[in-house]
Protein backbone atom coordinates (compact mmCIF):
# COMPACT_ATOMS: atom_id res chain seq x y z
CA MET A 1 27.30 6.99 11.48
CA ALA A 2 30.75 5.30 10.70
CA GLU A 3 33.27 6.71 8.73
CA GLY A 4 32.79 6.11 4.88
CA THR A 5 29.13 5.43 4.99
CA THR A 6 26.33 7.34 3.58
CA GLU A 7 22.93 7.97 5.05
CA LEU A 8 20.17 5.80 3.73
CA ARG A 9 17.22 7.91 2.31
CA SER A 10 13.77 5.88 1.51
CA PRO A 11 12.07 6.60 -1.54
CA LEU A 12 9.06 6.73 0.46
CA ALA A 13 10.04 9.88 2.68
CA ARG A 14 7.78 12.66 2.93
CA LEU A 15 8.48 16.14 3.64
CA ARG A 16 5.86 16.82 6.32
CA ARG A 17 5.09 20.66 5.27
CA ASP A 18 1.58 20.97 5.24
CA ARG A 19 -1.42 19.99 7.40
CA LEU A 20 -2.19 17.21 4.89
CA ALA A 21 0.89 15.44 4.57
CA ARG A 22 0.95 15.48 8.49
CA LEU A 23 -2.28 13.08 8.63
CA SER A 24 -1.73 9.73 9.76
CA PHE A 25 -2.87 6.42 11.23
CA ALA A 26 -1.85 5.70 15.11
CA PRO A 27 0.78 3.43 15.16
CA PRO A 28 -0.64 -0.07 16.14
CA PRO A 29 -0.10 -1.19 19.84
CA ALA A 30 2.76 -3.69 20.52
CA ASP A 31 2.01 -7.24 19.81
CA ALA A 32 4.40 -10.22 20.23
CA ALA A 33 2.69 -12.44 17.66
CA ARG A 34 2.33 -9.78 15.24
CA GLU A 35 6.20 -8.85 15.71
CA ALA A 36 7.01 -12.47 15.27
CA LEU A 37 4.96 -12.84 11.90
CA ARG A 38 6.88 -9.60 10.63
CA THR A 39 10.18 -11.36 11.34
CA ARG A 40 8.94 -14.46 9.30
CA LEU A 41 7.82 -11.84 6.63
CA GLU A 42 11.27 -10.29 6.24
CA ALA A 43 12.90 -13.48 6.49
CA ASP A 44 11.09 -14.79 3.06
CA LEU A 45 11.96 -11.44 1.37
CA ASP A 46 15.55 -11.77 2.39
CA ARG A 47 15.71 -15.26 0.93
CA THR A 48 14.37 -14.30 -2.44
CA CYS A 49 17.06 -11.44 -2.31
CA ALA A 50 19.90 -13.93 -1.41
CA GLU A 51 18.77 -16.50 -4.16
CA LEU A 52 19.72 -13.93 -6.90
CA PRO A 53 23.08 -14.32 -8.59
CA GLN A 54 25.61 -12.06 -6.76
CA PRO A 55 26.19 -9.00 -7.24
CA LEU A 56 22.44 -8.82 -7.35
CA ALA A 57 21.73 -10.45 -4.31
CA ALA A 58 23.46 -7.93 -2.22
CA ALA A 59 21.99 -5.13 -4.40
CA ALA A 60 18.38 -6.41 -3.88
CA GLY A 61 19.08 -6.63 0.14
CA ALA A 62 20.06 -3.20 0.09
CA LEU A 63 17.03 -1.62 -1.78
CA LEU A 64 14.87 -3.12 0.47
CA ARG A 65 16.83 -1.87 3.65
CA ARG A 66 16.94 1.41 1.85
CA TYR A 67 13.14 1.67 1.91
CA GLY A 68 12.84 1.27 5.46
CA GLY A 69 15.37 4.37 5.59
CA GLY A 70 17.71 2.50 7.84
CA ARG A 71 14.84 2.56 10.58
CA LEU A 72 12.21 0.23 9.76
CA GLY A 73 12.01 -3.14 8.16
CA PHE A 74 10.60 -3.43 4.80
CA VAL A 75 7.17 -5.02 5.93
CA GLU A 76 6.70 -2.26 8.76
CA LEU A 77 6.24 0.30 5.77
CA PHE A 78 2.55 -1.13 5.03
CA LEU A 79 -0.44 -0.68 6.82
CA THR A 80 -0.34 -3.59 9.53
CA PRO A 81 -3.69 -5.01 9.12
CA THR A 82 -2.64 -6.01 5.32
CA TRP A 83 -0.53 -8.55 6.75
CA SER A 84 -0.97 -8.89 10.44
CA PHE A 85 -4.47 -10.92 9.85
CA LEU A 86 -1.84 -13.96 9.29
CA ALA A 87 -0.84 -14.01 12.83
CA GLN A 88 -4.17 -15.62 13.53
CA GLN A 89 -3.71 -18.48 11.41
CA GLN A 90 -0.14 -19.68 11.01
CA HIS A 91 0.20 -20.98 7.07
CA ARG A 92 3.78 -20.27 6.05
CA GLN A 93 3.14 -20.69 2.22
CA ALA A 94 0.26 -17.97 2.61
CA GLU A 95 3.01 -15.95 4.85
CA ARG A 96 5.42 -16.37 2.03
CA ALA A 97 2.89 -15.31 -0.83
CA GLN A 98 1.44 -12.20 1.19
CA ALA A 99 5.21 -11.00 1.82
CA HIS A 100 6.23 -11.35 -1.90
CA ALA A 101 2.29 -9.46 -2.82
CA LEU A 102 3.72 -6.49 -0.74
CA LEU A 103 7.01 -6.37 -2.32
CA LEU A 104 5.48 -6.47 -5.78
CA HIS A 105 2.86 -3.97 -5.37
CA LEU A 106 5.62 -1.56 -4.24
CA LEU A 107 8.00 -2.63 -7.23
CA ASP A 108 5.17 -2.08 -9.62
CA ASP A 109 4.07 1.24 -8.62
CA HIS A 110 7.65 2.55 -8.45
CA LEU A 111 9.06 1.12 -11.61
CA CYS A 112 5.76 2.59 -13.23
CA ASP A 113 6.16 5.94 -12.03
CA GLY A 114 9.72 6.30 -12.33
CA GLN A 115 10.57 6.60 -8.59
CA LEU A 116 12.56 3.35 -9.17
CA ALA A 117 15.49 2.93 -11.72
CA THR A 118 14.48 0.06 -14.22
CA ASP A 119 18.20 -1.41 -13.18
CA ALA A 120 19.20 -4.96 -13.33
CA VAL A 121 18.43 -5.09 -9.58
CA SER A 122 14.95 -3.82 -9.47
CA LEU A 123 13.86 -5.96 -12.86
CA HIS A 124 15.35 -9.37 -11.61
CA LEU A 125 14.17 -8.68 -8.06
CA ARG A 126 10.85 -8.34 -9.43
CA THR A 127 10.57 -11.39 -11.62
CA ALA A 128 11.85 -13.28 -8.92
CA ALA A 129 9.35 -12.02 -6.23
CA TRP A 130 6.48 -12.49 -9.04
CA ARG A 131 7.55 -16.24 -9.49
CA ARG A 132 7.99 -17.16 -5.97
CA TYR A 133 3.97 -15.33 -5.39
CA GLU A 134 2.53 -16.87 -8.47
CA ALA A 135 4.15 -20.19 -7.83
CA ASP A 136 2.58 -20.05 -4.16
CA LEU A 137 -0.97 -18.93 -5.06
CA ARG A 138 -1.25 -21.61 -7.93
CA ASP A 139 -0.36 -24.29 -5.54
CA LEU A 140 -2.70 -22.88 -2.95
CA ALA A 141 -5.69 -21.55 -4.98
CA PRO A 142 -5.39 -22.76 -8.57
CA GLU A 143 -9.13 -22.38 -8.95
CA TRP A 144 -9.21 -18.69 -8.67
CA ILE A 145 -6.01 -17.01 -8.66
CA ASP A 146 -6.28 -15.74 -12.21
CA GLU A 147 -9.31 -13.61 -11.25
CA HIS A 148 -7.05 -11.90 -8.69
CA LEU A 149 -4.26 -11.42 -11.37
CA VAL A 150 -6.39 -10.14 -13.95
CA ARG A 151 -7.98 -7.70 -11.81
CA TYR A 152 -4.56 -6.43 -10.25
CA PHE A 153 -3.14 -6.04 -14.15
CA ARG A 154 -6.20 -4.12 -15.14
CA GLY A 155 -5.74 -1.57 -12.15
CA LEU A 156 -2.09 -1.63 -12.89
CA THR A 157 -2.29 -0.63 -16.30
CA HIS A 158 -5.14 1.67 -15.75
CA GLY A 159 -7.33 -0.52 -17.88
CA ARG A 160 -10.81 1.22 -16.67
CA SER A 161 -12.20 4.33 -18.28
CA LEU A 162 -12.27 6.88 -15.39
CA ALA A 163 -14.99 9.59 -15.48
CA SER A 164 -15.58 9.82 -11.47
CA LEU A 165 -14.03 9.31 -7.86
CA ASP A 166 -16.23 5.69 -7.98
CA ASP A 167 -14.17 4.89 -11.12
CA TYR A 168 -11.33 5.85 -9.50
CA LEU A 169 -11.73 3.98 -6.26
CA ALA A 170 -12.90 0.87 -8.69
CA GLN A 171 -9.14 0.76 -9.97
CA ALA A 172 -7.74 1.09 -6.68
CA ARG A 173 -9.76 -1.96 -5.78
CA ASP A 174 -8.67 -4.01 -9.00
CA GLU A 175 -5.09 -2.87 -7.65
CA ALA A 176 -5.66 -4.35 -4.21
CA ALA A 177 -6.57 -7.73 -6.01
CA LEU A 178 -2.90 -8.82 -5.07
CA TRP A 179 -3.15 -8.46 -1.75
CA THR A 180 -6.50 -9.80 -1.46
CA ALA A 181 -5.96 -13.54 -2.28
CA VAL A 182 -4.31 -14.61 0.64
CA PRO A 183 -6.71 -13.35 3.03
CA ARG A 184 -9.21 -15.06 0.73
CA LEU A 185 -7.40 -18.14 1.13
CA ILE A 186 -7.37 -17.84 4.79
CA ALA A 187 -10.77 -17.22 5.64
CA GLY A 188 -12.87 -16.51 2.36
CA PRO A 189 -14.46 -13.64 0.51
CA ARG A 190 -15.41 -11.71 3.70
CA LEU A 191 -11.49 -11.39 4.97
CA ALA A 192 -10.38 -10.29 1.49
CA ALA A 193 -13.18 -7.68 1.74
CA VAL A 194 -11.51 -6.28 5.05
CA VAL A 195 -8.47 -6.11 3.29
CA GLU A 196 -9.72 -4.50 0.00
CA ASP A 197 -11.78 -1.99 2.50
CA LEU A 198 -8.30 -1.13 4.27
CA CYS A 199 -6.56 -0.83 0.99
CA LEU A 200 -9.07 2.13 0.15
CA ALA A 201 -8.80 3.79 3.23
CA TRP A 202 -5.11 3.77 2.97
CA ARG A 203 -5.17 5.12 -0.46
CA LEU A 204 -7.12 7.99 0.37
CA LEU A 205 -5.30 8.83 3.04
CA ASP A 206 -2.14 8.65 0.99
CA ASP A 207 -3.66 10.80 -1.70
CA LEU A 208 -4.15 13.14 0.94
CA GLN A 209 -0.76 12.97 2.58
CA ASP A 210 0.82 13.19 -1.49
CA GLY A 211 -1.53 16.17 -2.21
CA ALA A 212 0.96 18.44 -2.87
CA ALA A 213 3.37 16.20 -5.00
CA ASP A 214 0.07 14.94 -6.92
CA HIS A 215 -0.62 18.59 -7.80
CA ARG A 216 3.00 19.27 -8.46
CA ALA A 217 3.16 16.29 -11.15
CA GLY A 218 -0.43 17.04 -12.65
CA HIS A 219 -1.59 13.44 -11.20
CA ARG A 220 -5.58 13.15 -10.87
CA SER A 221 -5.86 11.43 -7.24
CA ALA A 222 -8.90 11.19 -5.08
CA LEU A 223 -8.76 15.08 -4.07
CA TRP A 224 -8.87 15.70 -8.04
CA TRP A 225 -11.92 13.50 -8.62
CA GLY A 226 -13.95 14.55 -5.66
CA ALA A 227 -13.46 18.08 -6.34
CA PRO A 228 -16.18 20.15 -8.39
CA ALA A 229 -15.37 21.26 -11.80
CA GLU A 230 -13.83 24.62 -10.97
CA LEU A 231 -11.44 23.22 -8.61
CA ARG A 232 -10.59 20.39 -10.99
CA ALA A 233 -9.47 23.36 -13.51
CA ASP A 234 -7.35 25.28 -10.89
CA TRP A 235 -5.63 21.95 -9.74
CA ASP A 236 -4.56 21.37 -13.45
CA SER A 237 -3.42 25.16 -14.00
CA THR A 238 -2.20 26.40 -11.00
CA ARG A 239 1.56 26.41 -9.97
CA PRO A 240 3.06 24.52 -7.21
CA GLU A 241 3.41 27.46 -4.84
CA HIS A 242 -0.03 28.09 -5.04
CA TRP A 243 -1.04 24.73 -3.70
CA PRO A 244 -1.61 26.49 0.26
CA ALA A 245 -4.38 28.49 -1.25
CA LEU A 246 -5.86 25.24 -3.35
CA VAL A 247 -5.97 23.42 -0.01
CA GLU A 248 -7.93 25.98 1.44
CA ALA A 249 -10.35 26.11 -1.62
CA LEU A 250 -10.90 22.30 -1.32
CA ASP A 251 -11.15 22.31 2.25
CA ALA A 252 -13.82 25.32 1.89
CA HIS A 253 -15.79 23.29 -0.30
CA GLY A 254 -16.00 20.03 2.06
CA VAL A 255 -13.61 17.81 -0.46
CA ILE A 256 -11.17 17.24 2.31
CA ASN A 257 -13.57 16.44 5.20
CA ASP A 258 -15.55 14.04 2.53
CA ARG A 259 -12.29 12.03 1.97
CA MET A 260 -11.84 11.97 5.72
CA ILE A 261 -15.23 10.58 6.01
CA GLU A 262 -14.35 7.91 3.42
CA ILE A 263 -11.73 6.86 5.20
CA ARG A 264 -13.31 6.45 8.46
CA ARG A 265 -16.38 4.32 6.73
CA PHE A 266 -13.91 2.02 5.11
CA MET A 267 -11.85 1.43 8.25
CA ASN A 268 -15.02 0.98 10.47
CA ARG A 269 -16.51 -1.37 7.76
CA ALA A 270 -13.29 -3.47 7.77
CA LYS A 271 -13.43 -3.56 11.37
CA ALA A 272 -16.55 -4.82 11.48
CA GLY A 273 -15.89 -7.40 8.53
CA ALA A 274 -12.95 -8.47 10.96
CA ASP A 275 -15.05 -9.07 14.04
CA ASP A 276 -17.54 -10.76 11.89
CA CYS A 277 -14.99 -13.38 10.72
CA GLY A 278 -13.64 -13.75 14.20
CA PHE A 279 -10.64 -12.07 13.68
CA VAL A 280 -11.09 -9.73 16.71
CA ALA A 281 -7.71 -9.09 17.45
CA LEU A 282 -7.26 -7.68 13.95
CA GLY A 283 -10.41 -5.36 14.68
CA LEU A 284 -8.93 -4.35 17.64
CA GLU A 285 -5.93 -3.01 15.86
CA ILE A 286 -7.82 -1.56 12.76
CA ASP A 287 -9.66 0.51 15.89
CA ALA A 288 -6.30 1.81 17.21
CA LEU A 289 -4.87 2.85 13.46
CA LEU A 290 -8.12 4.74 13.18
CA SER A 291 -7.78 6.67 16.67
CA GLY A 292 -4.82 8.68 15.05
CA LEU A 293 -7.25 10.65 12.46
């Protein structure tokens, strides 16, 4: 590393200290069309950063690079099929909209939970990204974009009353509405349903990976909602150092296995839906990801 520089550390970095944190989808196979698409999406986000007034522009670009930890492009942080479906039917305005949907979802998530400082850079970047996303979608799909925006903000603001795992997943579906507008535009509700199922599978896997952090923070994830009452009470009352014992109890009660079954179910349904829509390459990509589990 050059003298005077500091190592980039992504806010998404995890300490892989327990077996749940080490769970992962397999990397997708190399694909030239997907890589070319990723380059275009990254360029769309770079332009949005560059259009901010200086010095915000430089700081916004640095923020996106920091999320990649110096190793990954920003778009590579997201489950590949949530954007790679665009490679089959090139549509530049739709590509730009989906790139900004990815950025907005992450910014909103991290601004709301405090992982990202609410400073001039993050707020102006979020505003610029939203204007770009909304303008593109209102131009492309004015008749139904509001439906997606209402659902997204209902999920983001926890507008549903949660009483079960099904309610928790319904909230996750609402949050996914930001990412399903473009696939709906490209190939109708069936492709939107594919991306929604992918989002649910990814949410469940993320909840498994982040189990220790969620327990430490008192966050009620899919692990909590899927647990019996006595384990929910243990989750709420035990100290972080007792997490390994809680994992064993969750495992013994089948909670972890049930979530893995659901992840595979959502991924398999997404693959079948992609095939039905004629997105065969997308279906193969989903299959490859699932092989990691």
